[in-house]
C-alpha atoms as a PDB file:
ATOM      1  CA  MET A   1      61.944-104.346 -49.749  1.00  0.00           C
ATOM      2  CA  SER A   2      63.617-100.957 -49.761  1.00  0.00           C
ATOM      3  CA  PRO A   3      62.200 -97.986 -47.839  1.00  0.00           C
ATOM      4  CA  GLU A   4      61.346 -96.321 -51.153  1.00  0.00           C
ATOM      5  CA  GLN A   5      59.383 -99.379 -52.296  1.00  0.00           C
ATOM      6  CA  ARG A   6      57.517 -99.538 -48.959  1.00  0.00           C
ATOM      7  CA  GLU A   7      56.664 -95.845 -49.221  1.00  0.00           C
ATOM      8  CA  SER A   8      55.377 -96.306 -52.773  1.00  0.00           C
ATOM      9  CA  LEU A   9      53.268 -99.280 -51.692  1.00  0.00           C
ATOM     10  CA  TRP A  10      51.876 -97.320 -48.719  1.00  0.00           C
ATOM     11  CA  ARG A  11      50.741 -94.500 -51.026  1.00  0.00           C
ATOM     12  CA  GLN A  12      48.775 -96.972 -53.154  1.00  0.00           C
ATOM     13  CA  MET A  13      46.899 -98.489 -50.208  1.00  0.00           C
ATOM     14  CA  THR A  14      43.356 -97.509 -49.301  1.00  0.00           C
ATOM     15  CA  PRO A  15      42.750 -95.934 -45.878  1.00  0.00           C
ATOM     16  CA  ASP A  16      41.258 -99.196 -44.595  1.00  0.00           C
ATOM     17  CA  GLN A  17      44.279-101.173 -45.811  1.00  0.00           C
ATOM     18  CA  LYS A  18      46.570 -98.709 -44.029  1.00  0.00           C
ATOM     19  CA  VAL A  19      44.634 -99.110 -40.782  1.00  0.00           C
ATOM     20  CA  ASP A  20      44.844-102.909 -41.046  1.00  0.00           C
ATOM     21  CA  ALA A  21      48.570-102.805 -41.804  1.00  0.00           C
ATOM     22  CA  TRP A  22      49.206-100.467 -38.859  1.00  0.00           C
ATOM     23  CA  LYS A  23      47.224-102.696 -36.476  1.00  0.00           C
ATOM     24  CA  ARG A  24      49.284-105.733 -37.483  1.00  0.00           C
ATOM     25  CA  LEU A  25      52.521-104.029 -36.423  1.00  0.00           C
ATOM     26  CA  THR A  26      53.934-104.714 -32.982  1.00  0.00           C
ATOM     27  CA  PRO A  27      54.134-101.783 -30.533  1.00  0.00           C
ATOM     28  CA  GLU A  28      57.917-101.758 -31.003  1.00  0.00           C
ATOM     29  CA  GLN A  29      57.569-101.501 -34.791  1.00  0.00           C
ATOM     30  CA  ARG A  30      55.070 -98.661 -34.444  1.00  0.00           C
ATOM     31  CA  GLN A  31      57.382 -96.790 -32.082  1.00  0.00           C
ATOM     32  CA  THR A  32      60.292 -97.174 -34.509  1.00  0.00           C
ATOM     33  CA  ILE A  33      58.170 -95.757 -37.321  1.00  0.00           C
ATOM     34  CA  ARG A  34      56.984 -92.835 -35.173  1.00  0.00           C
ATOM     35  CA  GLN A  35      60.559 -91.963 -34.268  1.00  0.00           C
ATOM     36  CA  LYS A  36      61.481 -91.664 -37.953  1.00  0.00           C
ATOM     37  CA  LEU A  37      58.611 -89.263 -38.750  1.00  0.00           C
ATOM     38  CA  THR A  38      59.174 -85.541 -38.915  1.00  0.00           C
ATOM     39  CA  PRO A  39      57.066 -83.366 -36.585  1.00  0.00           C
ATOM     40  CA  GLU A  40      54.960 -82.323 -39.595  1.00  0.00           C
ATOM     41  CA  GLN A  41      54.305 -85.955 -40.543  1.00  0.00           C
ATOM     42  CA  ARG A  42      53.328 -86.811 -36.967  1.00  0.00           C
ATOM     43  CA  GLU A  43      50.900 -83.888 -36.879  1.00  0.00           C
ATOM     44  CA  ALA A  44      49.405 -84.913 -40.246  1.00  0.00           C
ATOM     45  CA  ALA A  45      48.839 -88.440 -38.908  1.00  0.00           C
ATOM     46  CA  ARG A  46      47.135 -87.034 -35.797  1.00  0.00           C
ATOM     47  CA  GLN A  47      44.875 -84.843 -37.933  1.00  0.00           C
ATOM     48  CA  ARG A  48      43.826 -87.804 -40.089  1.00  0.00           C
ATOM     49  CA  PHE A  49      42.862 -89.771 -36.983  1.00  0.00           C
ATOM     50  CA  GLN A  50      40.929 -86.875 -35.482  1.00  0.00           C
ATOM     51  CA  GLU A  51      39.015 -86.349 -38.735  1.00  0.00           C
ATOM     52  CA  ARG A  52      37.955 -89.993 -38.670  1.00  0.00           C
ATOM     53  CA  ARG A  53      36.717 -89.625 -35.107  1.00  0.00           C
ATOM     54  CA  GLU A  54      34.750 -86.457 -35.873  1.00  0.00           C
ATOM     55  CA  ASN A  55      33.082 -88.241 -38.802  1.00  0.00           C
ATOM     56  CA  GLY A  56      32.112 -91.094 -36.491  1.00  0.00           C
ATOM     57  CA  GLU A  57      34.198 -93.619 -38.405  1.00  0.00           C
ATOM     58  CA  VAL A  58      36.032 -94.965 -35.396  1.00  0.00           C
ATOM     59  CA  PRO A  59      37.463 -98.388 -36.280  1.00  0.00           C
ATOM     60  CA  GLY A  60      36.522-101.133 -33.882  1.00  0.00           C
ATOM     61  CA  ARG A  61      33.489 -99.369 -32.408  1.00  0.00           C
ATOM     62  CA  ARG A  62      31.453-101.723 -30.276  1.00  0.00           C
ATOM     63  CA  LEU A  63      27.724-101.831 -29.860  1.00  0.00           C
ATOM     64  CA  SER A  64      26.244-100.556 -26.640  1.00  0.00           C
ATOM     65  CA  PRO A  65      24.293-103.081 -24.542  1.00  0.00           C
ATOM     66  CA  GLU A  66      21.052-101.493 -25.784  1.00  0.00           C
ATOM     67  CA  GLU A  67      22.152-101.740 -29.437  1.00  0.00           C
ATOM     68  CA  ARG A  68      23.136-105.383 -28.906  1.00  0.00           C
ATOM     69  CA  ARG A  69      19.735-106.144 -27.366  1.00  0.00           C
ATOM     70  CA  GLN A  70      17.934-104.479 -30.284  1.00  0.00           C
ATOM     71  CA  LEU A  71      20.021-106.404 -32.816  1.00  0.00           C
ATOM     72  CA  ARG A  72      19.344-109.689 -31.005  1.00  0.00           C
ATOM     73  CA  ASP A  73      15.615-108.939 -31.004  1.00  0.00           C
ATOM     74  CA  GLN A  74      15.665-108.140 -34.727  1.00  0.00           C
ATOM     75  CA  ILE A  75      17.508-111.385 -35.526  1.00  0.00           C
ATOM     76  CA  TYR A  76      15.107-113.382 -33.350  1.00  0.00           C
ATOM     77  CA  GLU A  77      12.058-111.841 -35.046  1.00  0.00           C
ATOM     78  CA  SER A  78      13.420-112.388 -38.551  1.00  0.00           C
ATOM     79  CA  ASN A  79      14.224-116.027 -37.737  1.00  0.00           C
ATOM     80  CA  LYS A  80      10.696-116.600 -36.392  1.00  0.00           C
ATOM     81  CA  ALA A  81       9.221-115.280 -39.648  1.00  0.00           C
ATOM     82  CA  ARG A  82      11.459-117.500 -41.784  1.00  0.00           C
ATOM     83  CA  PRO A  83      10.109-120.916 -42.785  1.00  0.00           C
ATOM     84  CA  PRO A  84      11.961-123.903 -41.352  1.00  0.00           C
ATOM     85  CA  HIS A  85      14.887-125.119 -43.445  1.00  0.00           C
ATOM     86  CA  ALA A  86      14.640-122.150 -45.807  1.00  0.00           C
ATOM     87  CA  GLY A  87      17.740-121.926 -47.930  1.00  0.00           C
ATOM     88  CA  LYS A  88      18.949-125.459 -47.181  1.00  0.00           C
ATOM     89  CA  ASN A  89      19.444-127.738 -50.162  1.00  0.00           C
ATOM     90  CA  ASN A  90      17.372-125.618 -52.538  1.00  0.00           C
ATOM     91  CA  ARG A  91      18.205-127.608 -55.643  1.00  0.00           C
END
């Protein structure tokens, strides 16, 4: 695939697809790409990342121990309220 084709494909991708594609690259591949960017392109990429962080849309955010405990409690309570074998072989 030519660089022009890759660039065209990149422009068509959603932000989530771009994040996934970037994460799949090796550190060496990422460094090579960064080296080819102009200073303006690097700054634009930084700004996009910072905007995501300010909006609270940080990819890969983990639950705090308290949030995990609350989620576990909610799951436990909903499972207690559910009748046994609900949803199995409902034909």
